[in-house]
Amino acid sequence: MSVNKTKEASSWKYVLSGTFMLCLFSVYIPVLLFGDNVQTAVMITGLVIALALGVLAKNPKLRWLSEFIMAFSMIGGMVSSVFWAKLFL
């Protein structure tokens, strides 16, 4: 089932897609938060990067940035994991 924005598309597609994402987050967020210090620090770093880019993307000149928020936050989290691993391990 794909999510498309046609006029005859049912609103159930959006409900199911949102529910799926909530289920994913409810399973993986506690595992990452209560794993070890490195996992928690990497997740929080990625969250901070995503929030900062989201605020920057509100600027009309930087609207293109909204397409890459998840990619940049994941790359930033991976880069920061090297720092966090050296710090905590």
PDB file of N, CA and C in Angstrom:
ATOM      1  N   MET A   1       0.848  -1.159   0.000  1.00  0.00           N
ATOM      2  CA  MET A   1       0.000   0.000   0.000  1.00  0.00           C
ATOM      3  C   MET A   1       0.901   1.232   0.000  1.00  0.00           C
ATOM      4  N   SER A   2       0.726   2.076  -0.986  1.00  0.00           N
ATOM      5  CA  SER A   2       1.533   3.293  -1.053  1.00  0.00           C
ATOM      6  C   SER A   2       0.711   4.487  -0.607  1.00  0.00           C
ATOM      7  N   VAL A   3       1.395   5.486  -0.148  1.00  0.00           N
ATOM      8  CA  VAL A   3       0.723   6.697   0.311  1.00  0.00           C
ATOM      9  C   VAL A   3       0.835   7.721  -0.805  1.00  0.00           C
ATOM     10  N   ASN A   4      -0.314   8.070  -1.387  1.00  0.00           N
ATOM     11  CA  ASN A   4      -0.323   9.104  -2.421  1.00  0.00           C
ATOM     12  C   ASN A   4      -1.362  10.157  -2.068  1.00  0.00           C
ATOM     13  N   LYS A   5      -1.271  11.307  -2.708  1.00  0.00           N
ATOM     14  CA  LYS A   5      -2.138  12.426  -2.353  1.00  0.00           C
ATOM     15  C   LYS A   5      -3.150  12.711  -3.464  1.00  0.00           C
ATOM     16  N   THR A   6      -3.781  11.691  -3.992  1.00  0.00           N
ATOM     17  CA  THR A   6      -4.822  11.922  -4.988  1.00  0.00           C
ATOM     18  C   THR A   6      -6.137  12.218  -4.292  1.00  0.00           C
ATOM     19  N   LYS A   7      -7.074  12.764  -5.045  1.00  0.00           N
ATOM     20  CA  LYS A   7      -8.353  13.147  -4.441  1.00  0.00           C
ATOM     21  C   LYS A   7      -9.153  11.942  -3.981  1.00  0.00           C
ATOM     22  N   GLU A   8      -9.037  10.833  -4.688  1.00  0.00           N
ATOM     23  CA  GLU A   8      -9.815   9.660  -4.290  1.00  0.00           C
ATOM     24  C   GLU A   8      -9.086   8.776  -3.285  1.00  0.00           C
ATOM     25  N   ALA A   9      -7.919   9.183  -2.833  1.00  0.00           N
ATOM     26  CA  ALA A   9      -7.171   8.408  -1.840  1.00  0.00           C
ATOM     27  C   ALA A   9      -7.891   8.456  -0.493  1.00  0.00           C
ATOM     28  N   SER A  10      -7.923   7.336   0.157  1.00  0.00           N
ATOM     29  CA  SER A  10      -8.579   7.239   1.453  1.00  0.00           C
ATOM     30  C   SER A  10      -7.698   7.840   2.536  1.00  0.00           C
ATOM     31  N   SER A  11      -8.318   8.401   3.556  1.00  0.00           N
ATOM     32  CA  SER A  11      -7.538   8.966   4.659  1.00  0.00           C
ATOM     33  C   SER A  11      -6.978   7.865   5.568  1.00  0.00           C
ATOM     34  N   TRP A  12      -7.427   6.637   5.387  1.00  0.00           N
ATOM     35  CA  TRP A  12      -6.910   5.538   6.202  1.00  0.00           C
ATOM     36  C   TRP A  12      -5.438   5.281   5.925  1.00  0.00           C
ATOM     37  N   LYS A  13      -4.992   5.590   4.726  1.00  0.00           N
ATOM     38  CA  LYS A  13      -3.581   5.386   4.410  1.00  0.00           C
ATOM     39  C   LYS A  13      -2.702   6.231   5.317  1.00  0.00           C
ATOM     40  N   TYR A  14      -3.122   7.459   5.570  1.00  0.00           N
ATOM     41  CA  TYR A  14      -2.337   8.340   6.427  1.00  0.00           C
ATOM     42  C   TYR A  14      -2.392   7.897   7.882  1.00  0.00           C
ATOM     43  N   VAL A  15      -3.535   7.401   8.297  1.00  0.00           N
ATOM     44  CA  VAL A  15      -3.681   6.914   9.673  1.00  0.00           C
ATOM     45  C   VAL A  15      -2.796   5.685   9.885  1.00  0.00           C
ATOM     46  N   LEU A  16      -2.814   4.766   8.936  1.00  0.00           N
ATOM     47  CA  LEU A  16      -2.004   3.557   9.060  1.00  0.00           C
ATOM     48  C   LEU A  16      -0.515   3.870   9.006  1.00  0.00           C
ATOM     49  N   SER A  17      -0.126   4.800   8.151  1.00  0.00           N
ATOM     50  CA  SER A  17       1.279   5.187   8.066  1.00  0.00           C
ATOM     51  C   SER A  17       1.747   5.828   9.374  1.00  0.00           C
ATOM     52  N   GLY A  18       0.948   6.715   9.926  1.00  0.00           N
ATOM     53  CA  GLY A  18       1.290   7.348  11.197  1.00  0.00           C
ATOM     54  C   GLY A  18       1.341   6.357  12.343  1.00  0.00           C
ATOM     55  N   THR A  19       0.408   5.410  12.356  1.00  0.00           N
ATOM     56  CA  THR A  19       0.385   4.381  13.394  1.00  0.00           C
ATOM     57  C   THR A  19       1.624   3.494  13.311  1.00  0.00           C
ATOM     58  N   PHE A  20       2.022   3.167  12.099  1.00  0.00           N
ATOM     59  CA  PHE A  20       3.227   2.349  11.916  1.00  0.00           C
ATOM     60  C   PHE A  20       4.455   3.064  12.466  1.00  0.00           C
ATOM     61  N   MET A  21       4.583   4.353  12.184  1.00  0.00           N
ATOM     62  CA  MET A  21       5.726   5.110  12.685  1.00  0.00           C
ATOM     63  C   MET A  21       5.695   5.210  14.208  1.00  0.00           C
ATOM     64  N   LEU A  22       4.520   5.406  14.797  1.00  0.00           N
ATOM     65  CA  LEU A  22       4.412   5.447  16.259  1.00  0.00           C
ATOM     66  C   LEU A  22       4.823   4.122  16.886  1.00  0.00           C
ATOM     67  N   CYS A  23       4.428   3.017  16.261  1.00  0.00           N
ATOM     68  CA  CYS A  23       4.808   1.699  16.774  1.00  0.00           C
ATOM     69  C   CYS A  23       6.319   1.502  16.696  1.00  0.00           C
ATOM     70  N   LEU A  24       6.926   1.924  15.590  1.00  0.00           N
ATOM     71  CA  LEU A  24       8.377   1.823  15.477  1.00  0.00           C
ATOM     72  C   LEU A  24       9.078   2.620  16.562  1.00  0.00           C
ATOM     73  N   PHE A  25       8.627   3.850  16.770  1.00  0.00           N
ATOM     74  CA  PHE A  25       9.257   4.685  17.789  1.00  0.00           C
ATOM     75  C   PHE A  25       9.049   4.114  19.188  1.00  0.00           C
ATOM     76  N   SER A  26       7.870   3.587  19.457  1.00  0.00           N
ATOM     77  CA  SER A  26       7.608   3.073  20.800  1.00  0.00           C
ATOM     78  C   SER A  26       8.426   1.821  21.100  1.00  0.00           C
ATOM     79  N   VAL A  27       8.863   1.119  20.080  1.00  0.00           N
ATOM     80  CA  VAL A  27       9.692  -0.069  20.297  1.00  0.00           C
ATOM     81  C   VAL A  27      11.166   0.300  20.409  1.00  0.00           C
ATOM     82  N   TYR A  28      11.651   1.161  19.519  1.00  0.00           N
ATOM     83  CA  TYR A  28      13.088   1.410  19.453  1.00  0.00           C
ATOM     84  C   TYR A  28      13.591   2.521  20.363  1.00  0.00           C
ATOM     85  N   ILE A  29      12.783   3.508  20.674  1.00  0.00           N
ATOM     86  CA  ILE A  29      13.250   4.611  21.522  1.00  0.00           C
ATOM     87  C   ILE A  29      13.631   4.120  22.925  1.00  0.00           C
ATOM     88  N   PRO A  30      12.817   3.313  23.613  1.00  0.00           N
ATOM     89  CA  PRO A  30      13.264   2.836  24.944  1.00  0.00           C
ATOM     90  C   PRO A  30      14.527   1.985  24.880  1.00  0.00           C
ATOM     91  N   VAL A  31      14.681   1.196  23.829  1.00  0.00           N
ATOM     92  CA  VAL A  31      15.884   0.372  23.700  1.00  0.00           C
ATOM     93  C   VAL A  31      17.115   1.263  23.564  1.00  0.00           C
ATOM     94  N   LEU A  32      16.999   2.331  22.775  1.00  0.00           N
ATOM     95  CA  LEU A  32      18.133   3.226  22.591  1.00  0.00           C
ATOM     96  C   LEU A  32      18.393   4.083  23.826  1.00  0.00           C
ATOM     97  N   LEU A  33      17.335   4.528  24.476  1.00  0.00           N
ATOM     98  CA  LEU A  33      17.515   5.391  25.644  1.00  0.00           C
ATOM     99  C   LEU A  33      18.111   4.657  26.833  1.00  0.00           C
ATOM    100  N   PHE A  34      17.714   3.408  27.019  1.00  0.00           N
ATOM    101  CA  PHE A  34      18.156   2.673  28.196  1.00  0.00           C
ATOM    102  C   PHE A  34      19.215   1.632  27.870  1.00  0.00           C
ATOM    103  N   GLY A  35      19.840   1.744  26.699  1.00  0.00           N
ATOM    104  CA  GLY A  35      20.920   0.824  26.335  1.00  0.00           C
ATOM    105  C   GLY A  35      22.171   1.149  27.110  1.00  0.00           C
ATOM    106  N   ASP A  36      23.043   1.880  26.494  1.00  0.00           N
ATOM    107  CA  ASP A  36      24.238   2.348  27.197  1.00  0.00           C
ATOM    108  C   ASP A  36      24.405   3.834  26.916  1.00  0.00           C
ATOM    109  N   ASN A  37      25.435   4.418  27.501  1.00  0.00           N
ATOM    110  CA  ASN A  37      25.626   5.861  27.398  1.00  0.00           C
ATOM    111  C   ASN A  37      25.892   6.321  25.974  1.00  0.00           C
ATOM    112  N   VAL A  38      26.613   5.523  25.193  1.00  0.00           N
ATOM    113  CA  VAL A  38      26.943   5.923  23.827  1.00  0.00           C
ATOM    114  C   VAL A  38      25.680   5.975  22.978  1.00  0.00           C
ATOM    115  N   GLN A  39      24.831   4.964  23.084  1.00  0.00           N
ATOM    116  CA  GLN A  39      23.584   4.950  22.308  1.00  0.00           C
ATOM    117  C   GLN A  39      22.698   6.134  22.661  1.00  0.00           C
ATOM    118  N   THR A  40      22.587   6.423  23.935  1.00  0.00           N
ATOM    119  CA  THR A  40      21.759   7.536  24.379  1.00  0.00           C
ATOM    120  C   THR A  40      22.317   8.863  23.879  1.00  0.00           C
ATOM    121  N   ALA A  41      23.625   9.049  23.984  1.00  0.00           N
ATOM    122  CA  ALA A  41      24.241  10.299  23.540  1.00  0.00           C
ATOM    123  C   ALA A  41      24.110  10.487  22.034  1.00  0.00           C
ATOM    124  N   VAL A  42      24.260   9.423  21.269  1.00  0.00           N
ATOM    125  CA  VAL A  42      24.121   9.514  19.813  1.00  0.00           C
ATOM    126  C   VAL A  42      22.681   9.859  19.439  1.00  0.00           C
ATOM    127  N   MET A  43      21.722   9.244  20.105  1.00  0.00           N
ATOM    128  CA  MET A  43      20.330   9.537  19.797  1.00  0.00           C
ATOM    129  C   MET A  43      19.984  10.984  20.138  1.00  0.00           C
ATOM    130  N   ILE A  44      20.453  11.458  21.267  1.00  0.00           N
ATOM    131  CA  ILE A  44      20.165  12.845  21.660  1.00  0.00           C
ATOM    132  C   ILE A  44      20.876  13.825  20.733  1.00  0.00           C
ATOM    133  N   THR A  45      22.085  13.500  20.298  1.00  0.00           N
ATOM    134  CA  THR A  45      22.796  14.356  19.347  1.00  0.00           C
ATOM    135  C   THR A  45      22.044  14.441  18.023  1.00  0.00           C
ATOM    136  N   GLY A  46      21.578  13.309  17.525  1.00  0.00           N
ATOM    137  CA  GLY A  46      20.787  13.313  16.294  1.00  0.00           C
ATOM    138  C   GLY A  46      19.497  14.097  16.440  1.00  0.00           C
ATOM    139  N   LEU A  47      18.877  14.012  17.605  1.00  0.00           N
ATOM    140  CA  LEU A  47      17.655  14.764  17.863  1.00  0.00           C
ATOM    141  C   LEU A  47      17.923  16.264  17.875  1.00  0.00           C
ATOM    142  N   VAL A  48      19.002  16.670  18.511  1.00  0.00           N
ATOM    143  CA  VAL A  48      19.351  18.096  18.568  1.00  0.00           C
ATOM    144  C   VAL A  48      19.658  18.626  17.164  1.00  0.00           C
ATOM    145  N   ILE A  49      20.369  17.840  16.366  1.00  0.00           N
ATOM    146  CA  ILE A  49      20.676  18.249  14.992  1.00  0.00           C
ATOM    147  C   ILE A  49      19.391  18.374  14.180  1.00  0.00           C
ATOM    148  N   ALA A  50      18.483  17.413  14.327  1.00  0.00           N
ATOM    149  CA  ALA A  50      17.221  17.465  13.588  1.00  0.00           C
ATOM    150  C   ALA A  50      16.389  18.668  14.002  1.00  0.00           C
ATOM    151  N   LEU A  51      16.335  18.970  15.281  1.00  0.00           N
ATOM    152  CA  LEU A  51      15.572  20.130  15.735  1.00  0.00           C
ATOM    153  C   LEU A  51      16.191  21.433  15.234  1.00  0.00           C
ATOM    154  N   ALA A  52      17.513  21.534  15.277  1.00  0.00           N
ATOM    155  CA  ALA A  52      18.179  22.741  14.795  1.00  0.00           C
ATOM    156  C   ALA A  52      17.956  22.941  13.300  1.00  0.00           C
ATOM    157  N   LEU A  53      18.047  21.868  12.533  1.00  0.00           N
ATOM    158  CA  LEU A  53      17.811  21.983  11.094  1.00  0.00           C
ATOM    159  C   LEU A  53      16.353  22.289  10.793  1.00  0.00           C
ATOM    160  N   GLY A  54      15.447  21.777  11.608  1.00  0.00           N
ATOM    161  CA  GLY A  54      14.032  22.097  11.436  1.00  0.00           C
ATOM    162  C   GLY A  54      13.748  23.568  11.659  1.00  0.00           C
ATOM    163  N   VAL A  55      14.415  24.147  12.639  1.00  0.00           N
ATOM    164  CA  VAL A  55      14.254  25.583  12.892  1.00  0.00           C
ATOM    165  C   VAL A  55      14.861  26.386  11.743  1.00  0.00           C
ATOM    166  N   LEU A  56      16.025  25.967  11.255  1.00  0.00           N
ATOM    167  CA  LEU A  56      16.650  26.662  10.133  1.00  0.00           C
ATOM    168  C   LEU A  56      15.825  26.547   8.854  1.00  0.00           C
ATOM    169  N   ALA A  57      15.146  25.413   8.665  1.00  0.00           N
ATOM    170  CA  ALA A  57      14.369  25.188   7.448  1.00  0.00           C
ATOM    171  C   ALA A  57      13.113  26.054   7.393  1.00  0.00           C
ATOM    172  N   LYS A  58      12.743  26.685   8.484  1.00  0.00           N
ATOM    173  CA  LYS A  58      11.585  27.584   8.474  1.00  0.00           C
ATOM    174  C   LYS A  58      11.889  28.877   7.714  1.00  0.00           C
ATOM    175  N   ASN A  59      13.183  29.200   7.555  1.00  0.00           N
ATOM    176  CA  ASN A  59      13.589  30.355   6.776  1.00  0.00           C
ATOM    177  C   ASN A  59      13.286  30.075   5.298  1.00  0.00           C
ATOM    178  N   PRO A  60      12.607  30.997   4.601  1.00  0.00           N
ATOM    179  CA  PRO A  60      12.266  30.737   3.183  1.00  0.00           C
ATOM    180  C   PRO A  60      13.485  30.479   2.289  1.00  0.00           C
ATOM    181  N   LYS A  61      14.622  31.064   2.603  1.00  0.00           N
ATOM    182  CA  LYS A  61      15.816  30.827   1.794  1.00  0.00           C
ATOM    183  C   LYS A  61      16.422  29.456   2.041  1.00  0.00           C
ATOM    184  N   LEU A  62      16.121  28.861   3.177  1.00  0.00           N
ATOM    185  CA  LEU A  62      16.669  27.543   3.516  1.00  0.00           C
ATOM    186  C   LEU A  62      15.605  26.449   3.504  1.00  0.00           C
ATOM    187  N   ARG A  63      14.507  26.672   2.806  1.00  0.00           N
ATOM    188  CA  ARG A  63      13.422  25.694   2.771  1.00  0.00           C
ATOM    189  C   ARG A  63      13.874  24.354   2.190  1.00  0.00           C
ATOM    190  N   TRP A  64      14.853  24.390   1.277  1.00  0.00           N
ATOM    191  CA  TRP A  64      15.361  23.160   0.682  1.00  0.00           C
ATOM    192  C   TRP A  64      15.957  22.222   1.733  1.00  0.00           C
ATOM    193  N   LEU A  65      16.375  22.793   2.854  1.00  0.00           N
ATOM    194  CA  LEU A  65      16.998  22.013   3.915  1.00  0.00           C
ATOM    195  C   LEU A  65      16.033  20.999   4.531  1.00  0.00           C
ATOM    196  N   SER A  66      14.742  21.269   4.449  1.00  0.00           N
ATOM    197  CA  SER A  66      13.753  20.375   5.056  1.00  0.00           C
ATOM    198  C   SER A  66      13.731  18.996   4.399  1.00  0.00           C
ATOM    199  N   GLU A  67      14.223  18.903   3.172  1.00  0.00           N
ATOM    200  CA  GLU A  67      14.260  17.602   2.487  1.00  0.00           C
ATOM    201  C   GLU A  67      15.393  16.712   3.001  1.00  0.00           C
ATOM    202  N   PHE A  68      16.366  17.289   3.701  1.00  0.00           N
ATOM    203  CA  PHE A  68      17.556  16.548   4.096  1.00  0.00           C
ATOM    204  C   PHE A  68      17.749  16.477   5.605  1.00  0.00           C
ATOM    205  N   ILE A  69      16.737  16.825   6.377  1.00  0.00           N
ATOM    206  CA  ILE A  69      16.891  16.860   7.834  1.00  0.00           C
ATOM    207  C   ILE A  69      17.233  15.483   8.393  1.00  0.00           C
ATOM    208  N   MET A  70      16.518  14.465   7.969  1.00  0.00           N
ATOM    209  CA  MET A  70      16.774  13.135   8.506  1.00  0.00           C
ATOM    210  C   MET A  70      18.160  12.635   8.098  1.00  0.00           C
ATOM    211  N   ALA A  71      18.547  12.868   6.853  1.00  0.00           N
ATOM    212  CA  ALA A  71      19.869  12.417   6.396  1.00  0.00           C
ATOM    213  C   ALA A  71      20.978  13.112   7.165  1.00  0.00           C
ATOM    214  N   PHE A  72      20.868  14.430   7.318  1.00  0.00           N
ATOM    215  CA  PHE A  72      21.910  15.166   8.036  1.00  0.00           C
ATOM    216  C   PHE A  72      21.965  14.789   9.510  1.00  0.00           C
ATOM    217  N   SER A  73      20.812  14.555  10.127  1.00  0.00           N
ATOM    218  CA  SER A  73      20.831  14.176  11.543  1.00  0.00           C
ATOM    219  C   SER A  73      21.415  12.778  11.738  1.00  0.00           C
ATOM    220  N   MET A  74      21.162  11.874  10.797  1.00  0.00           N
ATOM    221  CA  MET A  74      21.749  10.538  10.904  1.00  0.00           C
ATOM    222  C   MET A  74      23.255  10.571  10.686  1.00  0.00           C
ATOM    223  N   ILE A  75      23.703  11.366   9.713  1.00  0.00           N
ATOM    224  CA  ILE A  75      25.140  11.484   9.468  1.00  0.00           C
ATOM    225  C   ILE A  75      25.819  12.153  10.662  1.00  0.00           C
ATOM    226  N   GLY A  76      25.191  13.194  11.195  1.00  0.00           N
ATOM    227  CA  GLY A  76      25.740  13.858  12.375  1.00  0.00           C
ATOM    228  C   GLY A  76      25.793  12.936  13.572  1.00  0.00           C
ATOM    229  N   GLY A  77      24.783  12.106  13.739  1.00  0.00           N
ATOM    230  CA  GLY A  77      24.789  11.132  14.828  1.00  0.00           C
ATOM    231  C   GLY A  77      25.893  10.102  14.668  1.00  0.00           C
ATOM    232  N   MET A  78      26.106   9.655  13.435  1.00  0.00           N
ATOM    233  CA  MET A  78      27.165   8.676  13.206  1.00  0.00           C
ATOM    234  C   MET A  78      28.547   9.279  13.443  1.00  0.00           C
ATOM    235  N   VAL A  79      28.724  10.519  13.001  1.00  0.00           N
ATOM    236  CA  VAL A  79      30.018  11.181  13.237  1.00  0.00           C
ATOM    237  C   VAL A  79      30.228  11.398  14.736  1.00  0.00           C
ATOM    238  N   SER A  80      29.162  11.798  15.429  1.00  0.00           N
ATOM    239  CA  SER A  80      29.302  12.034  16.872  1.00  0.00           C
ATOM    240  C   SER A  80      29.513  10.737  17.648  1.00  0.00           C
ATOM    241  N   SER A  81      29.115   9.605  17.070  1.00  0.00           N
ATOM    242  CA  SER A  81      29.289   8.337  17.788  1.00  0.00           C
ATOM    243  C   SER A  81      30.756   8.020  18.017  1.00  0.00           C
ATOM    244  N   VAL A  82      31.618   8.465  17.103  1.00  0.00           N
ATOM    245  CA  VAL A  82      33.053   8.251  17.300  1.00  0.00           C
ATOM    246  C   VAL A  82      33.515   9.030  18.535  1.00  0.00           C
ATOM    247  N   PHE A  83      33.068  10.280  18.633  1.00  0.00           N
ATOM    248  CA  PHE A  83      33.419  11.099  19.793  1.00  0.00           C
ATOM    249  C   PHE A  83      32.863  10.508  21.077  1.00  0.00           C
ATOM    250  N   TRP A  84      31.585  10.114  21.064  1.00  0.00           N
ATOM    251  CA  TRP A  84      30.955   9.576  22.274  1.00  0.00           C
ATOM    252  C   TRP A  84      31.591   8.259  22.685  1.00  0.00           C
ATOM    253  N   ALA A  85      31.971   7.415  21.712  1.00  0.00           N
ATOM    254  CA  ALA A  85      32.620   6.145  22.053  1.00  0.00           C
ATOM    255  C   ALA A  85      33.983   6.381  22.701  1.00  0.00           C
ATOM    256  N   LYS A  86      34.727   7.358  22.184  1.00  0.00           N
ATOM    257  CA  LYS A  86      36.023   7.677  22.793  1.00  0.00           C
ATOM    258  C   LYS A  86      35.854   8.250  24.186  1.00  0.00           C
ATOM    259  N   LEU A  87      34.782   9.007  24.391  1.00  0.00           N
ATOM    260  CA  LEU A  87      34.549   9.645  25.687  1.00  0.00           C
ATOM    261  C   LEU A  87      34.084   8.649  26.745  1.00  0.00           C
ATOM    262  N   PHE A  88      33.160   7.756  26.387  1.00  0.00           N
ATOM    263  CA  PHE A  88      32.549   6.864  27.363  1.00  0.00           C
ATOM    264  C   PHE A  88      33.223   5.494  27.470  1.00  0.00           C
ATOM    265  N   LEU A  89      33.916   5.062  26.452  1.00  0.00           N
ATOM    266  CA  LEU A  89      34.488   3.699  26.494  1.00  0.00           C
ATOM    267  C   LEU A  89      35.958   3.677  26.775  1.00  0.00           C
TER     268      LEU A  89
END
